[in-house]
Amino acid sequence: MSVVRRLVPVRRAAASRPPAALPESALPPLTTSHARATFLDERGAATAEYAIATMAAVAFAGLLVVIMRSDEVRGILTDLVRRALTVQ
C-alpha cells in the first residue's frame, strides 16, 4: 500500500507595505479635554504594577538561588539544621 501525498500550494503573505498616511481631516482635533481623557486614563495601571512586582520577585529569587548555591552558605545552613535537630 503506498501513501500518496498531494502538495498544496502555500499562499505567501503579501509584501509588507507601509501604511498609507491618513489625511489630516481623518484625525480628531486634540482638545484639552480629549488630551486629558487620553493621557490620564489609568486603566491597566494595576496590571503593569503587578507585572513589575513579579519581575522584581523573580530577580530576587534568582539572586537567592545564586547565594544559596555557594559552599559557605550551604555550610552555615547545614550547621544550623544540625544544631536545631540535636537534643541536649
C-alpha atoms as a PDB file:
ATOM      1  CA  MET A   1       0.000   0.000   0.000  1.00  0.00           C
ATOM      2  CA  SER A   2       1.546   3.298  -0.991  1.00  0.00           C
ATOM      3  CA  VAL A   3       0.878   6.662   0.510  1.00  0.00           C
ATOM      4  CA  VAL A   4       0.158   9.406  -1.968  1.00  0.00           C
ATOM      5  CA  ARG A   5       0.822  12.918  -0.791  1.00  0.00           C
ATOM      6  CA  ARG A   6      -0.695  15.802  -2.542  1.00  0.00           C
ATOM      7  CA  LEU A   7       1.228  19.034  -2.411  1.00  0.00           C
ATOM      8  CA  VAL A   8      -0.902  22.008  -1.584  1.00  0.00           C
ATOM      9  CA  PRO A   9       0.441  25.373  -2.697  1.00  0.00           C
ATOM     10  CA  VAL A  10       1.150  27.667   0.220  1.00  0.00           C
ATOM     11  CA  ARG A  11      -0.075  31.203  -0.036  1.00  0.00           C
ATOM     12  CA  ARG A  12       2.656  33.658   0.629  1.00  0.00           C
ATOM     13  CA  ALA A  13       1.977  36.779   2.578  1.00  0.00           C
ATOM     14  CA  ALA A  14       1.869  39.912   0.532  1.00  0.00           C
ATOM     15  CA  ALA A  15       4.949  42.050   0.795  1.00  0.00           C
ATOM     16  CA  SER A  16       4.577  44.323   3.746  1.00  0.00           C
ATOM     17  CA  ARG A  17       3.812  47.830   2.714  1.00  0.00           C
ATOM     18  CA  PRO A  18       4.000  50.824   4.967  1.00  0.00           C
ATOM     19  CA  PRO A  19       0.552  52.021   5.988  1.00  0.00           C
ATOM     20  CA  ALA A  20      -0.839  54.826   3.929  1.00  0.00           C
ATOM     21  CA  ALA A  21      -0.727  58.179   5.647  1.00  0.00           C
ATOM     22  CA  LEU A  22      -4.075  59.364   6.929  1.00  0.00           C
ATOM     23  CA  PRO A  23      -5.289  62.708   5.707  1.00  0.00           C
ATOM     24  CA  GLU A  24      -5.276  65.375   8.397  1.00  0.00           C
ATOM     25  CA  SER A  25      -9.044  65.599   8.278  1.00  0.00           C
ATOM     26  CA  ALA A  26      -9.299  61.945   9.432  1.00  0.00           C
ATOM     27  CA  LEU A  27      -7.771  62.700  12.846  1.00  0.00           C
ATOM     28  CA  PRO A  28      -9.900  64.320  15.545  1.00  0.00           C
ATOM     29  CA  PRO A  29      -8.707  67.672  16.833  1.00  0.00           C
ATOM     30  CA  LEU A  30      -6.655  67.425  20.026  1.00  0.00           C
ATOM     31  CA  THR A  31      -8.509  69.488  22.568  1.00  0.00           C
ATOM     32  CA  THR A  32      -7.654  69.878  26.239  1.00  0.00           C
ATOM     33  CA  SER A  33     -10.486  67.615  27.354  1.00  0.00           C
ATOM     34  CA  HIS A  34      -9.591  64.966  24.747  1.00  0.00           C
ATOM     35  CA  ALA A  35      -5.907  65.077  25.765  1.00  0.00           C
ATOM     36  CA  ARG A  36      -6.819  64.806  29.458  1.00  0.00           C
ATOM     37  CA  ALA A  37      -9.084  61.826  28.784  1.00  0.00           C
ATOM     38  CA  THR A  38      -6.407  60.137  26.652  1.00  0.00           C
ATOM     39  CA  PHE A  39      -3.300  60.694  28.745  1.00  0.00           C
ATOM     40  CA  LEU A  40      -4.751  60.491  32.251  1.00  0.00           C
ATOM     41  CA  ASP A  41      -6.553  57.210  31.681  1.00  0.00           C
ATOM     42  CA  GLU A  42      -5.204  54.764  34.258  1.00  0.00           C
ATOM     43  CA  ARG A  43      -6.869  51.591  33.032  1.00  0.00           C
ATOM     44  CA  GLY A  44      -4.312  48.790  33.140  1.00  0.00           C
ATOM     45  CA  ALA A  45      -2.050  50.580  35.632  1.00  0.00           C
ATOM     46  CA  ALA A  46      -2.598  47.928  38.307  1.00  0.00           C
ATOM     47  CA  THR A  47      -1.732  45.189  35.838  1.00  0.00           C
ATOM     48  CA  ALA A  48       1.520  46.935  34.958  1.00  0.00           C
ATOM     49  CA  GLU A  49       2.339  47.316  38.652  1.00  0.00           C
ATOM     50  CA  TYR A  50       1.738  43.594  39.222  1.00  0.00           C
ATOM     51  CA  ALA A  51       3.993  42.774  36.271  1.00  0.00           C
ATOM     52  CA  ILE A  52       6.813  44.951  37.629  1.00  0.00           C
ATOM     53  CA  ALA A  53       6.444  43.476  41.123  1.00  0.00           C
ATOM     54  CA  THR A  54       6.502  39.953  39.670  1.00  0.00           C
ATOM     55  CA  MET A  55       9.682  40.691  37.697  1.00  0.00           C
ATOM     56  CA  ALA A  56      11.312  42.096  40.843  1.00  0.00           C
ATOM     57  CA  ALA A  57      10.340  38.972  42.806  1.00  0.00           C
ATOM     58  CA  VAL A  58      11.789  36.719  40.104  1.00  0.00           C
ATOM     59  CA  ALA A  59      15.036  38.707  40.090  1.00  0.00           C
ATOM     60  CA  PHE A  60      15.234  38.454  43.898  1.00  0.00           C
ATOM     61  CA  ALA A  61      14.580  34.699  43.743  1.00  0.00           C
ATOM     62  CA  GLY A  62      17.370  34.329  41.182  1.00  0.00           C
ATOM     63  CA  LEU A  63      19.739  36.216  43.463  1.00  0.00           C
ATOM     64  CA  LEU A  64      18.793  33.951  46.369  1.00  0.00           C
ATOM     65  CA  VAL A  65      19.465  30.860  44.265  1.00  0.00           C
ATOM     66  CA  VAL A  66      22.938  32.137  43.414  1.00  0.00           C
ATOM     67  CA  ILE A  67      23.653  32.919  47.072  1.00  0.00           C
ATOM     68  CA  MET A  68      22.283  29.613  48.349  1.00  0.00           C
ATOM     69  CA  ARG A  69      24.463  27.602  45.960  1.00  0.00           C
ATOM     70  CA  SER A  70      27.664  28.937  47.482  1.00  0.00           C
ATOM     71  CA  ASP A  71      29.554  26.467  49.698  1.00  0.00           C
ATOM     72  CA  GLU A  72      29.848  28.901  52.586  1.00  0.00           C
ATOM     73  CA  VAL A  73      26.098  29.496  52.854  1.00  0.00           C
ATOM     74  CA  ARG A  74      25.378  25.810  52.375  1.00  0.00           C
ATOM     75  CA  GLY A  75      27.718  25.002  55.274  1.00  0.00           C
ATOM     76  CA  ILE A  76      26.106  27.599  57.524  1.00  0.00           C
ATOM     77  CA  LEU A  77      22.611  26.252  56.790  1.00  0.00           C
ATOM     78  CA  THR A  78      23.685  22.641  57.282  1.00  0.00           C
ATOM     79  CA  ASP A  79      25.266  23.530  60.639  1.00  0.00           C
ATOM     80  CA  LEU A  80      22.121  25.429  61.655  1.00  0.00           C
ATOM     81  CA  VAL A  81      19.879  22.452  60.848  1.00  0.00           C
ATOM     82  CA  ARG A  82      22.199  20.000  62.688  1.00  0.00           C
ATOM     83  CA  ARG A  83      22.184  22.175  65.813  1.00  0.00           C
ATOM     84  CA  ALA A  84      18.400  22.510  65.643  1.00  0.00           C
ATOM     85  CA  LEU A  85      17.901  18.736  65.379  1.00  0.00           C
ATOM     86  CA  THR A  86      20.314  17.683  68.116  1.00  0.00           C
ATOM     87  CA  VAL A  87      18.912  17.066  71.585  1.00  0.00           C
ATOM     88  CA  GLN A  88      20.999  18.217  74.544  1.00  0.00           C
END
